[in-house]
Amino acid sequence: MQIPLQDIWEPTLRCLPAAQRERLESPEFFSQLQREVAKRILRIRDAEPSRAIKT
């Protein structure tokens, strides 16, 4: 997964209140985002039917 460059998000971020913008730019936000994405990927993977290899 790739996160778009900050330049792309800059106009949108400028529309947010300063407190929200600061939270989105914090290292803690990116750590939380990384954890949540990993959890969702695992949940999706675990929900898929297993694909046994037939020989």
N, C-alpha and C. Protein backbone atom coordinates (compact mmCIF):
# COMPACT_ATOMS: atom_id res chain seq x y z
N MET A 1 0.85 -1.17 0.00
CA MET A 1 0.00 0.00 0.00
C MET A 1 0.89 1.23 0.00
N GLN A 2 0.52 2.18 -0.81
CA GLN A 2 1.28 3.42 -0.86
C GLN A 2 0.38 4.57 -0.42
N ILE A 3 0.96 5.46 0.33
CA ILE A 3 0.25 6.66 0.74
C ILE A 3 0.68 7.78 -0.19
N PRO A 4 -0.29 8.52 -0.75
CA PRO A 4 0.08 9.60 -1.67
C PRO A 4 1.00 10.63 -0.99
N LEU A 5 1.79 11.28 -1.79
CA LEU A 5 2.70 12.30 -1.29
C LEU A 5 1.94 13.42 -0.60
N GLN A 6 2.59 14.03 0.36
CA GLN A 6 1.96 15.10 1.12
C GLN A 6 1.51 16.24 0.21
N ASP A 7 2.24 16.50 -0.87
CA ASP A 7 1.87 17.58 -1.79
C ASP A 7 0.45 17.40 -2.33
N ILE A 8 0.07 16.16 -2.53
CA ILE A 8 -1.26 15.87 -3.07
C ILE A 8 -2.33 16.19 -2.03
N TRP A 9 -2.04 15.92 -0.76
CA TRP A 9 -3.00 16.13 0.32
C TRP A 9 -3.00 17.55 0.87
N GLU A 10 -2.00 18.33 0.55
CA GLU A 10 -1.86 19.66 1.16
C GLU A 10 -3.11 20.54 1.02
N PRO A 11 -3.72 20.65 -0.17
CA PRO A 11 -4.92 21.50 -0.26
C PRO A 11 -6.05 21.03 0.65
N THR A 12 -6.22 19.72 0.77
CA THR A 12 -7.27 19.18 1.64
C THR A 12 -6.94 19.43 3.10
N LEU A 13 -5.68 19.22 3.47
CA LEU A 13 -5.27 19.44 4.86
C LEU A 13 -5.45 20.89 5.28
N ARG A 14 -5.23 21.81 4.37
CA ARG A 14 -5.38 23.24 4.70
C ARG A 14 -6.82 23.59 5.06
N CYS A 15 -7.79 22.80 4.60
CA CYS A 15 -9.20 23.06 4.90
C CYS A 15 -9.58 22.62 6.31
N LEU A 16 -8.75 21.80 6.93
CA LEU A 16 -9.06 21.28 8.26
C LEU A 16 -8.65 22.26 9.35
N PRO A 17 -9.32 22.19 10.50
CA PRO A 17 -8.87 22.99 11.64
C PRO A 17 -7.45 22.58 12.03
N ALA A 18 -6.71 23.49 12.61
CA ALA A 18 -5.30 23.24 12.95
C ALA A 18 -5.12 22.00 13.83
N ALA A 19 -6.00 21.80 14.80
CA ALA A 19 -5.86 20.64 15.70
C ALA A 19 -5.98 19.33 14.93
N GLN A 20 -6.93 19.25 14.01
CA GLN A 20 -7.07 18.02 13.21
C GLN A 20 -5.87 17.82 12.30
N ARG A 21 -5.42 18.88 11.69
CA ARG A 21 -4.27 18.82 10.79
C ARG A 21 -3.03 18.32 11.54
N GLU A 22 -2.83 18.84 12.75
CA GLU A 22 -1.68 18.41 13.56
C GLU A 22 -1.77 16.93 13.91
N ARG A 23 -2.97 16.45 14.23
CA ARG A 23 -3.12 15.02 14.55
C ARG A 23 -2.81 14.15 13.34
N LEU A 24 -3.28 14.57 12.17
CA LEU A 24 -3.04 13.79 10.95
C LEU A 24 -1.57 13.78 10.55
N GLU A 25 -0.84 14.79 10.93
CA GLU A 25 0.57 14.87 10.56
C GLU A 25 1.49 14.26 11.63
N SER A 26 0.92 13.78 12.72
CA SER A 26 1.75 13.26 13.81
C SER A 26 2.21 11.83 13.55
N PRO A 27 3.37 11.46 14.08
CA PRO A 27 3.86 10.08 13.95
C PRO A 27 2.89 9.07 14.57
N GLU A 28 2.20 9.47 15.64
CA GLU A 28 1.25 8.57 16.29
C GLU A 28 0.12 8.19 15.34
N PHE A 29 -0.33 9.14 14.54
CA PHE A 29 -1.39 8.85 13.58
C PHE A 29 -0.94 7.78 12.59
N PHE A 30 0.28 7.92 12.09
CA PHE A 30 0.77 6.95 11.11
C PHE A 30 0.98 5.58 11.73
N SER A 31 1.39 5.53 12.98
CA SER A 31 1.51 4.25 13.68
C SER A 31 0.15 3.59 13.84
N GLN A 32 -0.84 4.38 14.23
CA GLN A 32 -2.19 3.84 14.38
C GLN A 32 -2.73 3.38 13.03
N LEU A 33 -2.51 4.16 12.00
CA LEU A 33 -2.96 3.81 10.66
C LEU A 33 -2.34 2.48 10.21
N GLN A 34 -1.05 2.33 10.46
CA GLN A 34 -0.36 1.10 10.09
C GLN A 34 -0.96 -0.11 10.82
N ARG A 35 -1.23 0.04 12.11
CA ARG A 35 -1.82 -1.06 12.89
C ARG A 35 -3.21 -1.41 12.37
N GLU A 36 -4.02 -0.41 12.09
CA GLU A 36 -5.39 -0.66 11.64
C GLU A 36 -5.42 -1.31 10.27
N VAL A 37 -4.56 -0.87 9.37
CA VAL A 37 -4.50 -1.48 8.04
C VAL A 37 -4.10 -2.94 8.16
N ALA A 38 -3.10 -3.22 8.99
CA ALA A 38 -2.66 -4.61 9.18
C ALA A 38 -3.79 -5.47 9.74
N LYS A 39 -4.53 -4.95 10.72
CA LYS A 39 -5.65 -5.70 11.30
C LYS A 39 -6.71 -6.01 10.25
N ARG A 40 -7.02 -5.03 9.42
CA ARG A 40 -8.06 -5.24 8.40
C ARG A 40 -7.61 -6.23 7.34
N ILE A 41 -6.35 -6.18 6.96
CA ILE A 41 -5.83 -7.13 5.98
C ILE A 41 -5.93 -8.55 6.54
N LEU A 42 -5.53 -8.73 7.79
CA LEU A 42 -5.61 -10.05 8.41
C LEU A 42 -7.06 -10.52 8.51
N ARG A 43 -7.97 -9.63 8.85
CA ARG A 43 -9.38 -9.98 8.95
C ARG A 43 -9.92 -10.43 7.60
N ILE A 44 -9.57 -9.72 6.54
CA ILE A 44 -10.01 -10.09 5.19
C ILE A 44 -9.41 -11.43 4.80
N ARG A 45 -8.12 -11.60 5.05
CA ARG A 45 -7.45 -12.84 4.70
C ARG A 45 -8.07 -14.02 5.44
N ASP A 46 -8.35 -13.84 6.72
CA ASP A 46 -8.91 -14.93 7.51
C ASP A 46 -10.36 -15.24 7.13
N ALA A 47 -11.06 -14.28 6.55
CA ALA A 47 -12.44 -14.50 6.14
C ALA A 47 -12.55 -15.24 4.81
N GLU A 48 -11.48 -15.24 4.02
CA GLU A 48 -11.51 -15.92 2.73
C GLU A 48 -11.48 -17.43 2.95
N PRO A 49 -12.20 -18.17 2.09
CA PRO A 49 -12.13 -19.63 2.20
C PRO A 49 -10.71 -20.09 1.91
N SER A 50 -10.28 -21.12 2.63
CA SER A 50 -8.91 -21.60 2.42
C SER A 50 -8.81 -22.22 1.03
N ARG A 51 -7.65 -22.06 0.45
CA ARG A 51 -7.41 -22.57 -0.90
C ARG A 51 -6.41 -23.71 -0.80
N ALA A 52 -6.92 -24.90 -0.62
CA ALA A 52 -6.04 -26.06 -0.52
C ALA A 52 -5.47 -26.37 -1.89
N ILE A 53 -4.21 -26.74 -1.90
CA ILE A 53 -3.54 -27.08 -3.16
C ILE A 53 -3.85 -28.53 -3.48
N LYS A 54 -4.42 -28.76 -4.66
CA LYS A 54 -4.75 -30.12 -5.08
C LYS A 54 -3.57 -30.70 -5.83
N THR A 55 -3.25 -31.95 -5.53
CA THR A 55 -2.14 -32.61 -6.24
C THR A 55 -2.65 -33.73 -7.09
